[in-house]
């Protein structure tokens, strides 16, 4: 598998956000007051498009656990700069779950944009990153290295 040809995490996240924006347009999904789904309530502090981008980033980087991804995310200066508005870990998980149907529609839109039959990523497709090093368990005591 070939690593993404991005110089740094910033470039990758910006390209991802732009691609998601294009796919949303292709899928006919419009953001209204920061929401990609019709639901009551005020405009959210964190736009659904940002939550969606962060959720896709989690999948692409291969984090299986919301908790471990959120810990990594909170400790990355680049992520703090790119996404200055934050959700709590539980609110992130809830919003991510709320956007599941849209994520599936976007996979189909990415296929249309790319002209291929298979989506470019899924939960089971980790893509290597130069900026992220997943924690490895120490076989001896079961703790993260």
N, C-alpha and C. Protein backbone atom coordinates (compact mmCIF):
# COMPACT_ATOMS: atom_id res chain seq x y z
N UNK A 1 0.86 -1.19 0.00
CA UNK A 1 0.00 0.00 0.00
C UNK A 1 0.90 1.25 0.00
N UNK A 2 0.52 2.24 -0.75
CA UNK A 2 1.29 3.46 -0.88
C UNK A 2 0.80 4.50 0.12
N UNK A 3 1.74 5.18 0.79
CA UNK A 3 1.38 6.25 1.73
C UNK A 3 0.90 7.47 0.97
N UNK A 4 0.01 8.27 1.60
CA UNK A 4 -0.41 9.51 0.96
C UNK A 4 0.80 10.41 0.72
N UNK A 5 0.77 11.14 -0.38
CA UNK A 5 1.92 11.98 -0.75
C UNK A 5 1.76 13.40 -0.23
N UNK A 6 1.42 13.55 1.03
CA UNK A 6 1.26 14.86 1.62
C UNK A 6 2.47 15.17 2.47
N UNK A 7 2.90 16.44 2.44
CA UNK A 7 4.08 16.85 3.19
C UNK A 7 3.81 16.80 4.69
N UNK A 8 2.61 17.11 5.09
CA UNK A 8 2.32 17.11 6.52
C UNK A 8 0.83 16.88 6.77
N UNK A 9 0.51 16.77 8.03
CA UNK A 9 -0.86 16.52 8.43
C UNK A 9 -1.79 17.66 8.02
N UNK A 10 -1.32 18.90 8.11
CA UNK A 10 -2.13 20.07 7.70
C UNK A 10 -2.64 19.90 6.27
N UNK A 11 -1.72 19.61 5.35
CA UNK A 11 -2.09 19.46 3.94
C UNK A 11 -3.12 18.35 3.77
N UNK A 12 -2.90 17.25 4.47
CA UNK A 12 -3.80 16.12 4.36
C UNK A 12 -5.21 16.49 4.83
N UNK A 13 -5.31 17.14 5.99
CA UNK A 13 -6.63 17.49 6.54
C UNK A 13 -7.33 18.50 5.65
N UNK A 14 -6.62 19.46 5.11
CA UNK A 14 -7.22 20.46 4.22
C UNK A 14 -7.73 19.78 2.94
N UNK A 15 -6.95 18.86 2.39
CA UNK A 15 -7.38 18.12 1.20
C UNK A 15 -8.60 17.25 1.52
N UNK A 16 -8.60 16.63 2.69
CA UNK A 16 -9.73 15.80 3.10
C UNK A 16 -10.99 16.64 3.24
N UNK A 17 -10.89 17.78 3.91
CA UNK A 17 -12.06 18.65 4.09
C UNK A 17 -12.61 19.10 2.74
N UNK A 18 -11.71 19.48 1.83
CA UNK A 18 -12.12 19.92 0.49
C UNK A 18 -12.79 18.79 -0.28
N UNK A 19 -12.24 17.59 -0.17
CA UNK A 19 -12.84 16.42 -0.84
C UNK A 19 -14.22 16.12 -0.29
N UNK A 20 -14.36 16.22 1.04
CA UNK A 20 -15.67 15.99 1.65
C UNK A 20 -16.67 17.03 1.17
N UNK A 21 -16.24 18.26 1.07
CA UNK A 21 -17.12 19.32 0.59
C UNK A 21 -17.60 19.03 -0.84
N UNK A 22 -16.68 18.58 -1.70
CA UNK A 22 -17.04 18.21 -3.07
C UNK A 22 -18.01 17.02 -3.07
N UNK A 23 -17.74 16.03 -2.22
CA UNK A 23 -18.61 14.85 -2.17
C UNK A 23 -20.00 15.21 -1.64
N UNK A 24 -20.06 16.12 -0.67
CA UNK A 24 -21.36 16.57 -0.17
C UNK A 24 -22.18 17.19 -1.30
N UNK A 25 -21.52 18.02 -2.11
CA UNK A 25 -22.20 18.63 -3.25
C UNK A 25 -22.68 17.57 -4.23
N UNK A 26 -21.81 16.61 -4.55
CA UNK A 26 -22.16 15.54 -5.48
C UNK A 26 -23.34 14.72 -4.96
N UNK A 27 -23.37 14.49 -3.65
CA UNK A 27 -24.45 13.71 -3.04
C UNK A 27 -25.72 14.54 -2.83
N UNK A 28 -25.64 15.84 -3.10
CA UNK A 28 -26.80 16.71 -2.92
C UNK A 28 -27.12 17.00 -1.46
N UNK A 29 -26.11 16.94 -0.61
CA UNK A 29 -26.29 17.19 0.82
C UNK A 29 -25.88 18.63 1.09
N UNK A 30 -26.80 19.40 1.64
CA UNK A 30 -26.57 20.82 1.88
C UNK A 30 -26.52 21.08 3.38
N UNK A 31 -25.59 21.90 3.79
CA UNK A 31 -25.50 22.30 5.19
C UNK A 31 -26.43 23.48 5.43
N UNK A 32 -27.26 23.34 6.46
CA UNK A 32 -28.16 24.44 6.83
C UNK A 32 -27.89 24.78 8.29
N UNK A 33 -27.42 25.99 8.52
CA UNK A 33 -27.10 26.43 9.88
C UNK A 33 -26.14 25.47 10.58
N UNK A 34 -25.14 24.99 9.85
CA UNK A 34 -24.15 24.11 10.44
C UNK A 34 -24.59 22.67 10.61
N UNK A 35 -25.76 22.32 10.06
CA UNK A 35 -26.30 20.97 10.21
C UNK A 35 -26.44 20.31 8.85
N UNK A 36 -26.01 19.06 8.77
CA UNK A 36 -26.16 18.28 7.54
C UNK A 36 -27.41 17.41 7.58
N UNK A 37 -28.02 17.28 8.76
CA UNK A 37 -29.27 16.54 8.91
C UNK A 37 -30.32 17.49 9.47
N UNK A 38 -31.56 17.26 9.10
CA UNK A 38 -32.63 18.07 9.65
C UNK A 38 -32.88 17.63 11.08
N UNK A 39 -32.73 18.56 12.00
CA UNK A 39 -32.97 18.28 13.41
C UNK A 39 -33.24 19.60 14.11
N UNK A 40 -34.00 19.54 15.19
CA UNK A 40 -34.33 20.77 15.91
C UNK A 40 -33.12 21.31 16.67
N UNK A 41 -33.27 22.52 17.13
CA UNK A 41 -32.24 23.11 17.97
C UNK A 41 -31.49 24.23 17.29
N UNK A 42 -30.69 24.94 18.07
CA UNK A 42 -29.93 26.06 17.52
C UNK A 42 -28.77 25.59 16.64
N UNK A 43 -28.15 26.52 15.98
CA UNK A 43 -26.96 26.24 15.19
C UNK A 43 -25.88 25.68 16.11
N UNK A 44 -25.28 24.53 15.77
CA UNK A 44 -24.26 23.96 16.65
C UNK A 44 -22.98 24.81 16.66
N UNK A 45 -22.26 24.75 17.77
CA UNK A 45 -20.97 25.45 17.86
C UNK A 45 -19.95 24.87 16.89
N UNK A 46 -20.01 23.56 16.68
CA UNK A 46 -19.11 22.88 15.74
C UNK A 46 -19.96 22.37 14.59
N UNK A 47 -19.66 22.86 13.39
CA UNK A 47 -20.38 22.51 12.18
C UNK A 47 -20.29 21.00 11.92
N UNK A 48 -21.38 20.42 11.42
CA UNK A 48 -21.39 19.00 11.07
C UNK A 48 -20.30 18.63 10.08
N UNK A 49 -19.95 19.54 9.18
CA UNK A 49 -18.89 19.25 8.20
C UNK A 49 -17.55 19.04 8.89
N UNK A 50 -17.30 19.78 9.97
CA UNK A 50 -16.07 19.60 10.73
C UNK A 50 -16.08 18.24 11.44
N UNK A 51 -17.22 17.90 12.05
CA UNK A 51 -17.34 16.62 12.74
C UNK A 51 -17.14 15.48 11.74
N UNK A 52 -17.74 15.61 10.58
CA UNK A 52 -17.61 14.60 9.54
C UNK A 52 -16.16 14.46 9.10
N UNK A 53 -15.48 15.56 8.90
CA UNK A 53 -14.07 15.52 8.51
C UNK A 53 -13.23 14.82 9.58
N UNK A 54 -13.49 15.14 10.83
CA UNK A 54 -12.74 14.53 11.93
C UNK A 54 -13.03 13.03 12.00
N UNK A 55 -14.30 12.65 11.79
CA UNK A 55 -14.67 11.23 11.82
C UNK A 55 -14.00 10.46 10.69
N UNK A 56 -13.97 11.04 9.50
CA UNK A 56 -13.31 10.37 8.37
C UNK A 56 -11.81 10.30 8.62
N UNK A 57 -11.24 11.34 9.19
CA UNK A 57 -9.82 11.33 9.55
C UNK A 57 -9.54 10.18 10.52
N UNK A 58 -10.41 9.99 11.50
CA UNK A 58 -10.25 8.89 12.45
C UNK A 58 -10.21 7.55 11.72
N UNK A 59 -11.11 7.37 10.77
CA UNK A 59 -11.16 6.11 10.01
C UNK A 59 -9.91 5.94 9.16
N UNK A 60 -9.52 6.98 8.46
CA UNK A 60 -8.37 6.90 7.56
C UNK A 60 -7.09 6.60 8.33
N UNK A 61 -6.95 7.20 9.51
CA UNK A 61 -5.74 6.99 10.31
C UNK A 61 -5.76 5.66 11.05
N UNK A 62 -6.89 4.95 11.00
CA UNK A 62 -6.95 3.61 11.55
C UNK A 62 -7.23 3.51 13.04
N UNK A 63 -7.76 4.57 13.65
CA UNK A 63 -8.12 4.51 15.07
C UNK A 63 -9.44 3.77 15.20
N UNK A 64 -9.44 2.64 15.90
CA UNK A 64 -10.67 1.87 16.07
C UNK A 64 -11.49 2.37 17.25
N UNK A 65 -10.85 3.04 18.17
CA UNK A 65 -11.52 3.51 19.38
C UNK A 65 -11.69 5.02 19.36
N UNK A 66 -12.91 5.49 19.64
CA UNK A 66 -13.14 6.93 19.76
C UNK A 66 -12.26 7.52 20.85
N UNK A 67 -12.09 6.77 21.94
CA UNK A 67 -11.31 7.28 23.07
C UNK A 67 -9.85 7.50 22.68
N UNK A 68 -9.22 6.52 22.04
CA UNK A 68 -7.81 6.68 21.67
C UNK A 68 -7.65 7.77 20.61
N UNK A 69 -8.60 7.84 19.66
CA UNK A 69 -8.51 8.91 18.66
C UNK A 69 -8.66 10.27 19.32
N UNK A 70 -9.63 10.40 20.20
CA UNK A 70 -9.88 11.68 20.84
C UNK A 70 -8.66 12.12 21.67
N UNK A 71 -8.03 11.17 22.35
CA UNK A 71 -6.82 11.49 23.11
C UNK A 71 -5.72 11.99 22.18
N UNK A 72 -5.53 11.29 21.06
CA UNK A 72 -4.53 11.73 20.09
C UNK A 72 -4.88 13.13 19.56
N UNK A 73 -6.13 13.30 19.17
CA UNK A 73 -6.61 14.55 18.58
C UNK A 73 -6.38 15.73 19.53
N UNK A 74 -6.72 15.55 20.79
CA UNK A 74 -6.59 16.62 21.78
C UNK A 74 -5.14 17.01 22.05
N UNK A 75 -4.22 16.12 21.74
CA UNK A 75 -2.80 16.39 22.01
C UNK A 75 -2.01 16.79 20.77
N UNK A 76 -2.70 17.08 19.69
CA UNK A 76 -2.04 17.48 18.45
C UNK A 76 -2.19 18.98 18.22
N UNK A 77 -1.10 19.74 18.28
CA UNK A 77 -1.19 21.19 18.05
C UNK A 77 -1.80 21.53 16.68
N UNK A 78 -1.49 20.73 15.66
CA UNK A 78 -2.06 20.98 14.32
C UNK A 78 -3.57 20.86 14.33
N UNK A 79 -4.08 19.86 15.04
CA UNK A 79 -5.53 19.66 15.10
C UNK A 79 -6.20 20.79 15.89
N UNK A 80 -5.54 21.25 16.94
CA UNK A 80 -6.10 22.37 17.71
C UNK A 80 -6.18 23.63 16.87
N UNK A 81 -5.20 23.81 16.00
CA UNK A 81 -5.19 24.99 15.14
C UNK A 81 -6.21 24.86 14.01
N UNK A 82 -6.31 23.68 13.40
CA UNK A 82 -7.24 23.47 12.29
C UNK A 82 -8.69 23.39 12.75
N UNK A 83 -8.90 22.89 13.95
CA UNK A 83 -10.25 22.73 14.50
C UNK A 83 -10.30 23.38 15.88
N UNK A 84 -10.35 24.70 15.94
CA UNK A 84 -10.27 25.39 17.24
C UNK A 84 -11.49 25.18 18.13
N UNK A 85 -12.64 24.91 17.54
CA UNK A 85 -13.84 24.64 18.35
C UNK A 85 -13.90 23.15 18.63
N UNK A 86 -14.13 22.80 19.88
CA UNK A 86 -14.07 21.40 20.30
C UNK A 86 -15.39 20.89 20.86
N UNK A 87 -15.60 19.59 20.68
CA UNK A 87 -16.70 18.88 21.33
C UNK A 87 -16.08 17.98 22.40
N UNK A 88 -16.85 17.67 23.42
CA UNK A 88 -16.37 16.67 24.38
C UNK A 88 -16.30 15.33 23.65
N UNK A 89 -15.58 14.38 24.21
CA UNK A 89 -15.45 13.07 23.57
C UNK A 89 -16.83 12.44 23.35
N UNK A 90 -17.70 12.51 24.35
CA UNK A 90 -19.04 11.92 24.22
C UNK A 90 -19.87 12.64 23.16
N UNK A 91 -19.81 13.97 23.13
CA UNK A 91 -20.55 14.72 22.11
C UNK A 91 -20.03 14.41 20.71
N UNK A 92 -18.70 14.23 20.59
CA UNK A 92 -18.13 13.86 19.30
C UNK A 92 -18.69 12.50 18.86
N UNK A 93 -18.69 11.53 19.78
CA UNK A 93 -19.19 10.19 19.45
C UNK A 93 -20.67 10.25 19.06
N UNK A 94 -21.45 11.04 19.78
CA UNK A 94 -22.88 11.17 19.47
C UNK A 94 -23.09 11.81 18.10
N UNK A 95 -22.35 12.88 17.81
CA UNK A 95 -22.51 13.56 16.51
C UNK A 95 -22.02 12.66 15.39
N UNK A 96 -20.95 11.94 15.63
CA UNK A 96 -20.44 11.02 14.62
C UNK A 96 -21.49 9.96 14.30
N UNK A 97 -22.14 9.42 15.31
CA UNK A 97 -23.19 8.43 15.10
C UNK A 97 -24.37 9.06 14.34
N UNK A 98 -24.70 10.30 14.66
CA UNK A 98 -25.78 11.01 13.99
C UNK A 98 -25.51 11.16 12.49
N UNK A 99 -24.25 11.23 12.11
CA UNK A 99 -23.86 11.45 10.72
C UNK A 99 -23.55 10.16 9.96
N UNK A 100 -23.87 9.01 10.54
CA UNK A 100 -23.56 7.72 9.90
C UNK A 100 -24.21 7.59 8.52
N UNK A 101 -25.47 7.93 8.40
CA UNK A 101 -26.15 7.82 7.10
C UNK A 101 -25.48 8.71 6.06
N UNK A 102 -25.09 9.89 6.47
CA UNK A 102 -24.42 10.81 5.54
C UNK A 102 -23.06 10.24 5.13
N UNK A 103 -22.36 9.63 6.06
CA UNK A 103 -21.06 9.01 5.73
C UNK A 103 -21.24 7.96 4.65
N UNK A 104 -22.28 7.16 4.77
CA UNK A 104 -22.54 6.13 3.76
C UNK A 104 -22.88 6.75 2.41
N UNK A 105 -23.66 7.82 2.41
CA UNK A 105 -23.97 8.52 1.16
C UNK A 105 -22.71 9.11 0.55
N UNK A 106 -21.82 9.59 1.40
CA UNK A 106 -20.57 10.18 0.90
C UNK A 106 -19.67 9.13 0.26
N UNK A 107 -19.65 7.93 0.81
CA UNK A 107 -18.86 6.86 0.18
C UNK A 107 -19.31 6.66 -1.26
N UNK A 108 -20.64 6.66 -1.45
CA UNK A 108 -21.15 6.52 -2.82
C UNK A 108 -20.76 7.72 -3.68
N UNK A 109 -20.79 8.93 -3.09
CA UNK A 109 -20.42 10.14 -3.84
C UNK A 109 -18.94 10.11 -4.21
N UNK A 110 -18.08 9.63 -3.30
CA UNK A 110 -16.65 9.52 -3.62
C UNK A 110 -16.46 8.56 -4.79
N UNK A 111 -17.23 7.48 -4.81
CA UNK A 111 -17.15 6.54 -5.92
C UNK A 111 -17.51 7.22 -7.24
N UNK A 112 -18.56 8.04 -7.21
CA UNK A 112 -18.96 8.78 -8.41
C UNK A 112 -17.89 9.76 -8.84
N UNK A 113 -17.31 10.48 -7.88
CA UNK A 113 -16.26 11.44 -8.20
C UNK A 113 -15.03 10.76 -8.78
N UNK A 114 -14.73 9.57 -8.25
CA UNK A 114 -13.52 8.86 -8.65
C UNK A 114 -13.77 7.95 -9.85
N UNK A 115 -15.05 7.65 -10.14
CA UNK A 115 -15.36 6.80 -11.27
C UNK A 115 -15.09 5.33 -11.00
N UNK A 116 -14.98 4.95 -9.73
CA UNK A 116 -14.72 3.55 -9.39
C UNK A 116 -15.91 2.99 -8.64
N UNK A 117 -15.94 1.67 -8.55
CA UNK A 117 -17.04 1.00 -7.89
C UNK A 117 -16.88 0.84 -6.39
N UNK A 118 -15.68 0.97 -5.87
CA UNK A 118 -15.45 0.76 -4.45
C UNK A 118 -15.11 2.09 -3.77
N UNK A 119 -15.59 2.29 -2.53
CA UNK A 119 -15.25 3.53 -1.84
C UNK A 119 -13.75 3.59 -1.55
N UNK A 120 -13.19 4.80 -1.46
CA UNK A 120 -11.76 4.95 -1.25
C UNK A 120 -11.31 4.60 0.16
N UNK A 121 -12.23 4.46 1.10
CA UNK A 121 -11.87 4.10 2.46
C UNK A 121 -13.06 3.45 3.13
N UNK A 122 -12.81 2.77 4.20
CA UNK A 122 -13.85 2.22 5.06
C UNK A 122 -13.24 2.04 6.43
N UNK A 123 -14.02 1.62 7.38
CA UNK A 123 -13.48 1.40 8.72
C UNK A 123 -12.35 0.39 8.72
N UNK A 124 -12.32 -0.49 7.75
CA UNK A 124 -11.32 -1.55 7.71
C UNK A 124 -10.13 -1.23 6.83
N UNK A 125 -10.02 0.00 6.36
CA UNK A 125 -8.93 0.37 5.47
C UNK A 125 -8.03 1.41 6.12
N UNK A 126 -7.07 0.99 6.98
CA UNK A 126 -6.16 1.95 7.56
C UNK A 126 -5.17 2.43 6.50
N UNK A 127 -4.91 3.71 6.48
CA UNK A 127 -3.94 4.28 5.55
C UNK A 127 -2.76 4.77 6.35
N UNK A 128 -1.55 4.32 6.03
CA UNK A 128 -0.38 4.72 6.81
C UNK A 128 -0.19 6.24 6.81
N UNK A 129 0.29 6.76 7.92
CA UNK A 129 0.54 8.19 8.04
C UNK A 129 1.92 8.42 8.61
N UNK A 130 2.61 9.42 8.09
CA UNK A 130 3.92 9.78 8.61
C UNK A 130 3.79 10.56 9.92
N UNK A 131 2.63 11.18 10.16
CA UNK A 131 2.45 12.05 11.32
C UNK A 131 1.85 11.35 12.53
N UNK A 132 1.27 10.18 12.32
CA UNK A 132 0.57 9.50 13.41
C UNK A 132 1.22 8.16 13.65
N UNK A 133 1.57 7.91 14.89
CA UNK A 133 2.13 6.62 15.26
C UNK A 133 1.16 5.97 16.25
N UNK A 134 0.46 4.90 15.82
CA UNK A 134 -0.47 4.27 16.74
C UNK A 134 0.28 3.64 17.90
N UNK A 135 -0.36 3.59 19.07
CA UNK A 135 0.29 2.99 20.22
C UNK A 135 0.33 1.48 20.04
N UNK A 136 1.40 0.88 20.49
CA UNK A 136 1.61 -0.56 20.38
C UNK A 136 1.59 -1.12 21.78
N UNK A 137 0.86 -2.22 21.98
CA UNK A 137 0.80 -2.83 23.30
C UNK A 137 2.06 -3.62 23.58
N UNK A 138 2.52 -3.48 24.79
CA UNK A 138 3.65 -4.25 25.28
C UNK A 138 3.10 -5.63 25.63
N UNK A 139 3.57 -6.68 24.92
CA UNK A 139 3.04 -8.02 25.12
C UNK A 139 3.26 -8.50 26.56
N UNK A 140 4.31 -8.03 27.20
CA UNK A 140 4.67 -8.51 28.53
C UNK A 140 3.63 -8.09 29.57
N UNK A 141 3.26 -6.80 29.59
CA UNK A 141 2.34 -6.35 30.63
C UNK A 141 1.03 -5.81 30.08
N UNK A 142 0.84 -5.81 28.75
CA UNK A 142 -0.42 -5.39 28.17
C UNK A 142 -0.64 -3.88 28.14
N UNK A 143 0.37 -3.09 28.52
CA UNK A 143 0.19 -1.64 28.50
C UNK A 143 0.66 -1.06 27.18
N UNK A 144 0.18 0.14 26.87
CA UNK A 144 0.57 0.80 25.63
C UNK A 144 1.99 1.31 25.77
N UNK A 145 2.74 1.20 24.69
CA UNK A 145 4.13 1.65 24.70
C UNK A 145 4.20 3.15 24.61
